[in-house]
Amino acid sequence: MNQMYDQQTVRRARRAVALVFAVHGSVSGSFAVRIPQIQQHLDLGPDPLGHRAVPLVRLHARRP
């Protein structure tokens, strides 16, 4: 299947992908910078943080 897309559709798709990458990079970067603060706040060493990272992200996502 060889489909041709018009230039406007291709531009929109490229912008959407770029936006997703930019947002993901911003979120990941801001979380990575806060890891030491989170470890200190929860009094965790480096090992337990990995096991608790997913619930922390879920808790943060539930905040209004």
N, C-alpha and C. Protein backbone atom coordinates (compact mmCIF):
# COMPACT_ATOMS: atom_id res chain seq x y z
N MET A 1 0.84 -1.19 0.00
CA MET A 1 0.00 0.00 0.00
C MET A 1 0.88 1.24 0.00
N ASN A 2 0.80 1.97 -1.06
CA ASN A 2 1.58 3.18 -1.17
C ASN A 2 0.61 4.36 -1.22
N GLN A 3 0.42 5.02 -0.08
CA GLN A 3 -0.51 6.12 -0.02
C GLN A 3 0.27 7.43 -0.01
N MET A 4 -0.26 8.40 -0.68
CA MET A 4 0.33 9.73 -0.71
C MET A 4 -0.47 10.63 0.21
N TYR A 5 0.22 11.40 1.00
CA TYR A 5 -0.43 12.35 1.89
C TYR A 5 -0.08 13.76 1.44
N ASP A 6 -1.02 14.66 1.60
CA ASP A 6 -0.72 16.03 1.20
C ASP A 6 0.25 16.67 2.21
N GLN A 7 0.86 17.75 1.81
CA GLN A 7 1.90 18.38 2.63
C GLN A 7 1.36 18.88 3.96
N GLN A 8 0.14 19.36 3.97
CA GLN A 8 -0.43 19.86 5.21
C GLN A 8 -0.59 18.75 6.24
N THR A 9 -1.01 17.58 5.82
CA THR A 9 -1.16 16.44 6.72
C THR A 9 0.20 16.01 7.26
N VAL A 10 1.20 15.99 6.40
CA VAL A 10 2.55 15.60 6.83
C VAL A 10 3.09 16.62 7.83
N ARG A 11 2.90 17.90 7.57
CA ARG A 11 3.36 18.95 8.51
C ARG A 11 2.68 18.81 9.86
N ARG A 12 1.38 18.58 9.85
CA ARG A 12 0.66 18.41 11.12
C ARG A 12 1.19 17.22 11.91
N ALA A 13 1.44 16.12 11.20
CA ALA A 13 1.95 14.92 11.87
C ALA A 13 3.33 15.19 12.45
N ARG A 14 4.19 15.87 11.71
CA ARG A 14 5.53 16.19 12.21
C ARG A 14 5.46 17.09 13.43
N ARG A 15 4.59 18.08 13.37
CA ARG A 15 4.44 18.99 14.53
C ARG A 15 3.91 18.24 15.74
N ALA A 16 2.97 17.35 15.52
CA ALA A 16 2.42 16.58 16.64
C ALA A 16 3.48 15.70 17.28
N VAL A 17 4.30 15.05 16.47
CA VAL A 17 5.37 14.21 17.01
C VAL A 17 6.38 15.06 17.76
N ALA A 18 6.75 16.20 17.19
CA ALA A 18 7.70 17.10 17.86
C ALA A 18 7.13 17.59 19.19
N LEU A 19 5.86 17.91 19.23
CA LEU A 19 5.23 18.37 20.47
C LEU A 19 5.23 17.28 21.53
N VAL A 20 4.92 16.06 21.13
CA VAL A 20 4.92 14.94 22.08
C VAL A 20 6.32 14.74 22.65
N PHE A 21 7.34 14.78 21.81
CA PHE A 21 8.71 14.62 22.28
C PHE A 21 9.10 15.76 23.22
N ALA A 22 8.71 16.99 22.89
CA ALA A 22 9.05 18.14 23.72
C ALA A 22 8.38 18.04 25.09
N VAL A 23 7.10 17.69 25.11
CA VAL A 23 6.39 17.57 26.39
C VAL A 23 6.99 16.44 27.22
N HIS A 24 7.25 15.31 26.60
CA HIS A 24 7.83 14.18 27.33
C HIS A 24 9.20 14.55 27.88
N GLY A 25 10.01 15.23 27.10
CA GLY A 25 11.32 15.67 27.57
C GLY A 25 11.23 16.63 28.73
N SER A 26 10.28 17.55 28.68
CA SER A 26 10.10 18.51 29.78
C SER A 26 9.67 17.82 31.06
N VAL A 27 8.71 16.92 30.93
CA VAL A 27 8.21 16.20 32.11
C VAL A 27 9.31 15.31 32.70
N SER A 28 9.99 14.57 31.85
CA SER A 28 11.06 13.69 32.33
C SER A 28 12.19 14.49 32.96
N GLY A 29 12.54 15.59 32.33
CA GLY A 29 13.62 16.42 32.86
C GLY A 29 13.27 17.05 34.19
N SER A 30 12.06 17.54 34.33
CA SER A 30 11.68 18.16 35.59
C SER A 30 11.56 17.12 36.71
N PHE A 31 11.14 15.91 36.37
CA PHE A 31 11.07 14.85 37.38
C PHE A 31 12.47 14.41 37.78
N ALA A 32 13.35 14.26 36.81
CA ALA A 32 14.72 13.80 37.10
C ALA A 32 15.45 14.78 38.02
N VAL A 33 15.20 16.05 37.83
CA VAL A 33 15.84 17.05 38.68
C VAL A 33 15.33 16.97 40.11
N ARG A 34 14.10 16.55 40.30
CA ARG A 34 13.50 16.50 41.64
C ARG A 34 13.76 15.21 42.39
N ILE A 35 14.39 14.22 41.78
CA ILE A 35 14.61 12.94 42.44
C ILE A 35 15.34 13.09 43.77
N PRO A 36 16.44 13.85 43.86
CA PRO A 36 17.09 14.00 45.17
C PRO A 36 16.16 14.60 46.24
N GLN A 37 15.35 15.57 45.85
CA GLN A 37 14.41 16.18 46.79
C GLN A 37 13.37 15.16 47.25
N ILE A 38 12.88 14.35 46.35
CA ILE A 38 11.89 13.33 46.69
C ILE A 38 12.52 12.29 47.62
N GLN A 39 13.76 11.88 47.31
CA GLN A 39 14.45 10.91 48.17
C GLN A 39 14.60 11.46 49.58
N GLN A 40 15.00 12.71 49.67
CA GLN A 40 15.19 13.31 51.00
C GLN A 40 13.86 13.44 51.74
N HIS A 41 12.83 13.87 51.04
CA HIS A 41 11.51 14.05 51.67
C HIS A 41 10.96 12.73 52.21
N LEU A 42 11.16 11.65 51.46
CA LEU A 42 10.64 10.35 51.87
C LEU A 42 11.65 9.53 52.67
N ASP A 43 12.83 10.12 52.90
CA ASP A 43 13.90 9.46 53.65
C ASP A 43 14.23 8.10 53.03
N LEU A 44 14.52 8.12 51.73
CA LEU A 44 14.81 6.90 50.99
C LEU A 44 16.26 6.91 50.51
N GLY A 45 16.82 5.74 50.40
CA GLY A 45 18.12 5.57 49.76
C GLY A 45 17.91 5.42 48.26
N PRO A 46 18.98 5.19 47.52
CA PRO A 46 18.82 5.08 46.07
C PRO A 46 18.06 3.83 45.61
N ASP A 47 18.16 2.73 46.35
CA ASP A 47 17.50 1.49 45.91
C ASP A 47 15.98 1.52 46.06
N PRO A 48 15.44 1.92 47.22
CA PRO A 48 13.98 1.87 47.35
C PRO A 48 13.23 2.84 46.44
N LEU A 49 13.90 3.88 45.98
CA LEU A 49 13.21 4.85 45.14
C LEU A 49 12.72 4.20 43.84
N GLY A 50 13.51 3.33 43.28
CA GLY A 50 13.11 2.66 42.05
C GLY A 50 11.84 1.84 42.22
N HIS A 51 11.68 1.24 43.38
CA HIS A 51 10.49 0.42 43.63
C HIS A 51 9.27 1.28 43.94
N ARG A 52 9.52 2.52 44.35
CA ARG A 52 8.40 3.39 44.71
C ARG A 52 8.13 4.48 43.70
N ALA A 53 8.89 4.52 42.62
CA ALA A 53 8.75 5.60 41.65
C ALA A 53 7.39 5.56 40.96
N VAL A 54 6.92 4.40 40.58
CA VAL A 54 5.65 4.32 39.85
C VAL A 54 4.48 4.77 40.73
N PRO A 55 4.38 4.31 41.98
CA PRO A 55 3.28 4.84 42.81
C PRO A 55 3.40 6.33 43.06
N LEU A 56 4.61 6.87 43.14
CA LEU A 56 4.79 8.32 43.32
C LEU A 56 4.24 9.08 42.13
N VAL A 57 4.51 8.59 40.95
CA VAL A 57 4.02 9.25 39.75
C VAL A 57 2.50 9.18 39.70
N ARG A 58 1.94 8.04 40.07
CA ARG A 58 0.48 7.92 40.09
C ARG A 58 -0.14 8.85 41.12
N LEU A 59 0.48 8.97 42.28
CA LEU A 59 -0.02 9.88 43.32
C LEU A 59 0.02 11.32 42.82
N HIS A 60 1.11 11.68 42.19
CA HIS A 60 1.25 13.05 41.69
C HIS A 60 0.22 13.34 40.60
N ALA A 61 -0.10 12.36 39.80
CA ALA A 61 -1.06 12.55 38.71
C ALA A 61 -2.47 12.74 39.24
N ARG A 62 -2.78 12.26 40.43
CA ARG A 62 -4.12 12.39 40.98
C ARG A 62 -4.38 13.76 41.61
N ARG A 63 -3.33 14.51 41.85
CA ARG A 63 -3.52 15.83 42.48
C ARG A 63 -4.33 16.75 41.58
N PRO A 64 -5.21 17.54 42.18
CA PRO A 64 -6.01 18.47 41.36
C PRO A 64 -5.21 19.64 40.88
